[in-house]
């Protein structure tokens, strides 16, 4: 397996923010807060789309930078396994919908074609 190169500036910033949130939560004795992308973007002074790319880079580098509808956080191995299962389920459902859309397109195209008459 290739060793990932150095993190981008955005990925470094995201890692620092998420690590600080995790550290702060531990000091308070509370669960880690899931930080929304828009809040990360504002704190980091970057566009929200860069937050998403940076999170992908962190995952590629082996950091457990997880996300859900509430936001992003540095997770535990158990949380990462739960996240993986959730992504798998969503992927299976998306592939099923893709198959249904392909079938619907084929049916629509077949209905739109003029019927061919046999000469024999």
C-alpha atoms as a PDB file:
ATOM      1  CA  UNK A   1       0.000   0.000   0.000  1.00  0.00           C
ATOM      2  CA  UNK A   2       1.296   3.443  -0.877  1.00  0.00           C
ATOM      3  CA  UNK A   3       2.141   5.791   1.941  1.00  0.00           C
ATOM      4  CA  UNK A   4       0.058   8.941   1.637  1.00  0.00           C
ATOM      5  CA  UNK A   5       1.988  12.145   1.115  1.00  0.00           C
ATOM      6  CA  UNK A   6       1.766  15.180   3.339  1.00  0.00           C
ATOM      7  CA  UNK A   7      -1.688  16.547   4.035  1.00  0.00           C
ATOM      8  CA  UNK A   8      -2.929  19.627   2.242  1.00  0.00           C
ATOM      9  CA  UNK A   9      -3.258  22.859   4.175  1.00  0.00           C
ATOM     10  CA  UNK A  10      -7.037  22.401   4.302  1.00  0.00           C
ATOM     11  CA  UNK A  11      -6.705  18.833   5.581  1.00  0.00           C
ATOM     12  CA  UNK A  12      -4.188  19.966   8.227  1.00  0.00           C
ATOM     13  CA  UNK A  13      -6.585  22.705   9.323  1.00  0.00           C
ATOM     14  CA  UNK A  14      -9.521  20.302   9.494  1.00  0.00           C
ATOM     15  CA  UNK A  15      -7.482  17.813  11.507  1.00  0.00           C
ATOM     16  CA  UNK A  16      -6.466  20.552  13.956  1.00  0.00           C
ATOM     17  CA  UNK A  17     -10.068  21.723  14.381  1.00  0.00           C
ATOM     18  CA  UNK A  18     -11.445  18.229  14.912  1.00  0.00           C
ATOM     19  CA  UNK A  19      -8.615  17.277  17.277  1.00  0.00           C
ATOM     20  CA  UNK A  20      -9.216  20.464  19.298  1.00  0.00           C
ATOM     21  CA  UNK A  21     -12.934  19.665  19.536  1.00  0.00           C
ATOM     22  CA  UNK A  22     -12.160  16.117  20.675  1.00  0.00           C
ATOM     23  CA  UNK A  23      -9.675  17.396  23.272  1.00  0.00           C
ATOM     24  CA  UNK A  24     -12.165  19.992  24.529  1.00  0.00           C
ATOM     25  CA  UNK A  25     -14.896  17.342  24.837  1.00  0.00           C
ATOM     26  CA  UNK A  26     -12.616  15.021  26.781  1.00  0.00           C
ATOM     27  CA  UNK A  27     -11.718  17.813  29.219  1.00  0.00           C
ATOM     28  CA  UNK A  28     -15.433  18.454  29.764  1.00  0.00           C
ATOM     29  CA  UNK A  29     -16.114  14.734  30.100  1.00  0.00           C
ATOM     30  CA  UNK A  30     -18.679  14.932  27.303  1.00  0.00           C
ATOM     31  CA  UNK A  31     -19.102  13.214  23.953  1.00  0.00           C
ATOM     32  CA  UNK A  32     -17.315  14.737  20.983  1.00  0.00           C
ATOM     33  CA  UNK A  33     -19.467  17.316  19.220  1.00  0.00           C
ATOM     34  CA  UNK A  34     -20.111  16.746  15.531  1.00  0.00           C
ATOM     35  CA  UNK A  35     -19.047  19.994  13.846  1.00  0.00           C
ATOM     36  CA  UNK A  36     -21.139  20.976  10.792  1.00  0.00           C
ATOM     37  CA  UNK A  37     -19.303  21.652   7.527  1.00  0.00           C
ATOM     38  CA  UNK A  38     -20.527  25.240   7.361  1.00  0.00           C
ATOM     39  CA  UNK A  39     -19.094  25.896  10.836  1.00  0.00           C
ATOM     40  CA  UNK A  40     -15.774  24.272   9.933  1.00  0.00           C
ATOM     41  CA  UNK A  41     -15.612  26.356   6.753  1.00  0.00           C
ATOM     42  CA  UNK A  42     -16.257  29.555   8.705  1.00  0.00           C
ATOM     43  CA  UNK A  43     -13.710  28.732  11.421  1.00  0.00           C
ATOM     44  CA  UNK A  44     -11.082  27.685   8.881  1.00  0.00           C
ATOM     45  CA  UNK A  45     -11.814  30.511   6.454  1.00  0.00           C
ATOM     46  CA  UNK A  46     -12.306  28.117   3.538  1.00  0.00           C
ATOM     47  CA  UNK A  47     -15.135  27.175   1.215  1.00  0.00           C
ATOM     48  CA  UNK A  48     -17.412  24.372   2.361  1.00  0.00           C
ATOM     49  CA  UNK A  49     -16.489  22.167  -0.618  1.00  0.00           C
ATOM     50  CA  UNK A  50     -12.877  22.232   0.587  1.00  0.00           C
ATOM     51  CA  UNK A  51     -14.012  20.808   3.933  1.00  0.00           C
ATOM     52  CA  UNK A  52     -15.444  17.773   2.147  1.00  0.00           C
ATOM     53  CA  UNK A  53     -12.265  17.280   0.103  1.00  0.00           C
ATOM     54  CA  UNK A  54     -10.097  17.708   3.206  1.00  0.00           C
ATOM     55  CA  UNK A  55     -12.134  15.099   5.095  1.00  0.00           C
ATOM     56  CA  UNK A  56     -11.557  12.652   2.254  1.00  0.00           C
ATOM     57  CA  UNK A  57      -7.831  13.356   2.403  1.00  0.00           C
ATOM     58  CA  UNK A  58      -7.830  12.692   6.154  1.00  0.00           C
ATOM     59  CA  UNK A  59      -9.558   9.343   5.633  1.00  0.00           C
ATOM     60  CA  UNK A  60      -7.059   8.465   2.897  1.00  0.00           C
ATOM     61  CA  UNK A  61      -4.238   9.260   5.340  1.00  0.00           C
ATOM     62  CA  UNK A  62      -5.739   6.921   7.952  1.00  0.00           C
ATOM     63  CA  UNK A  63      -7.455   9.435  10.237  1.00  0.00           C
ATOM     64  CA  UNK A  64     -10.944   8.487  11.426  1.00  0.00           C
ATOM     65  CA  UNK A  65     -12.512  11.722  10.177  1.00  0.00           C
ATOM     66  CA  UNK A  66     -16.164  10.675  10.185  1.00  0.00           C
ATOM     67  CA  UNK A  67     -19.346  12.466   9.181  1.00  0.00           C
ATOM     68  CA  UNK A  68     -23.093  12.181   9.547  1.00  0.00           C
ATOM     69  CA  UNK A  69     -26.056  14.518   9.276  1.00  0.00           C
ATOM     70  CA  UNK A  70     -24.895  16.412  12.356  1.00  0.00           C
ATOM     71  CA  UNK A  71     -21.353  17.130  11.195  1.00  0.00           C
ATOM     72  CA  UNK A  72     -17.781  15.829  11.297  1.00  0.00           C
ATOM     73  CA  UNK A  73     -15.666  14.488  14.142  1.00  0.00           C
ATOM     74  CA  UNK A  74     -12.608  12.350  14.825  1.00  0.00           C
ATOM     75  CA  UNK A  75     -14.175   9.033  15.705  1.00  0.00           C
ATOM     76  CA  UNK A  76     -13.237   5.861  17.465  1.00  0.00           C
ATOM     77  CA  UNK A  77     -12.605   2.553  15.731  1.00  0.00           C
ATOM     78  CA  UNK A  78     -16.071   1.368  16.784  1.00  0.00           C
ATOM     79  CA  UNK A  79     -17.675   4.531  15.351  1.00  0.00           C
ATOM     80  CA  UNK A  80     -15.695   4.055  12.138  1.00  0.00           C
ATOM     81  CA  UNK A  81     -16.997   0.511  11.784  1.00  0.00           C
ATOM     82  CA  UNK A  82     -20.570   1.731  12.321  1.00  0.00           C
ATOM     83  CA  UNK A  83     -19.962   4.510   9.755  1.00  0.00           C
ATOM     84  CA  UNK A  84     -18.602   1.952   7.289  1.00  0.00           C
ATOM     85  CA  UNK A  85     -21.705  -0.229   7.678  1.00  0.00           C
ATOM     86  CA  UNK A  86     -23.931   2.810   7.162  1.00  0.00           C
ATOM     87  CA  UNK A  87     -22.057   3.798   3.993  1.00  0.00           C
ATOM     88  CA  UNK A  88     -22.332   0.235   2.719  1.00  0.00           C
ATOM     89  CA  UNK A  89     -26.110   0.167   3.264  1.00  0.00           C
ATOM     90  CA  UNK A  90     -26.500   3.541   1.539  1.00  0.00           C
ATOM     91  CA  UNK A  91     -24.328   2.335  -1.338  1.00  0.00           C
ATOM     92  CA  UNK A  92     -26.427  -0.796  -1.813  1.00  0.00           C
ATOM     93  CA  UNK A  93     -29.613   1.299  -1.847  1.00  0.00           C
ATOM     94  CA  UNK A  94     -28.062   3.738  -4.337  1.00  0.00           C
ATOM     95  CA  UNK A  95     -27.026   0.883  -6.650  1.00  0.00           C
ATOM     96  CA  UNK A  96     -30.557  -0.527  -6.463  1.00  0.00           C
ATOM     97  CA  UNK A  97     -32.011   2.873  -7.429  1.00  0.00           C
ATOM     98  CA  UNK A  98     -29.484   3.093 -10.271  1.00  0.00           C
ATOM     99  CA  UNK A  99     -30.714  -0.251 -11.607  1.00  0.00           C
ATOM    100  CA  UNK A 100     -34.329   0.931 -11.385  1.00  0.00           C
ATOM    101  CA  UNK A 101     -33.537   4.186 -13.207  1.00  0.00           C
ATOM    102  CA  UNK A 102     -31.701   2.315 -15.976  1.00  0.00           C
ATOM    103  CA  UNK A 103     -34.691  -0.010 -16.415  1.00  0.00           C
ATOM    104  CA  UNK A 104     -37.114   2.917 -16.493  1.00  0.00           C
ATOM    105  CA  UNK A 105     -35.007   4.706 -19.119  1.00  0.00           C
ATOM    106  CA  UNK A 106     -34.864   1.561 -21.258  1.00  0.00           C
ATOM    107  CA  UNK A 107     -38.638   1.118 -20.973  1.00  0.00           C
ATOM    108  CA  UNK A 108     -39.232   4.760 -21.892  1.00  0.00           C
ATOM    109  CA  UNK A 109     -36.900   4.556 -24.874  1.00  0.00           C
ATOM    110  CA  UNK A 110     -38.523   1.312 -26.053  1.00  0.00           C
ATOM    111  CA  UNK A 111     -41.990   2.856 -25.842  1.00  0.00           C
ATOM    112  CA  UNK A 112     -40.830   5.924 -27.766  1.00  0.00           C
ATOM    113  CA  UNK A 113     -39.453   3.890 -30.693  1.00  0.00           C
ATOM    114  CA  UNK A 114     -41.857   3.355 -33.564  1.00  0.00           C
ATOM    115  CA  UNK A 115     -42.962  -0.235 -33.912  1.00  0.00           C
ATOM    116  CA  UNK A 116     -41.287  -2.129 -36.726  1.00  0.00           C
ATOM    117  CA  UNK A 117     -43.527  -4.088 -39.022  1.00  0.00           C
ATOM    118  CA  UNK A 118     -42.363  -7.404 -40.326  1.00  0.00           C
ATOM    119  CA  UNK A 119     -42.584  -7.791 -44.089  1.00  0.00           C
ATOM    120  CA  UNK A 120     -42.842 -11.539 -43.801  1.00  0.00           C
END
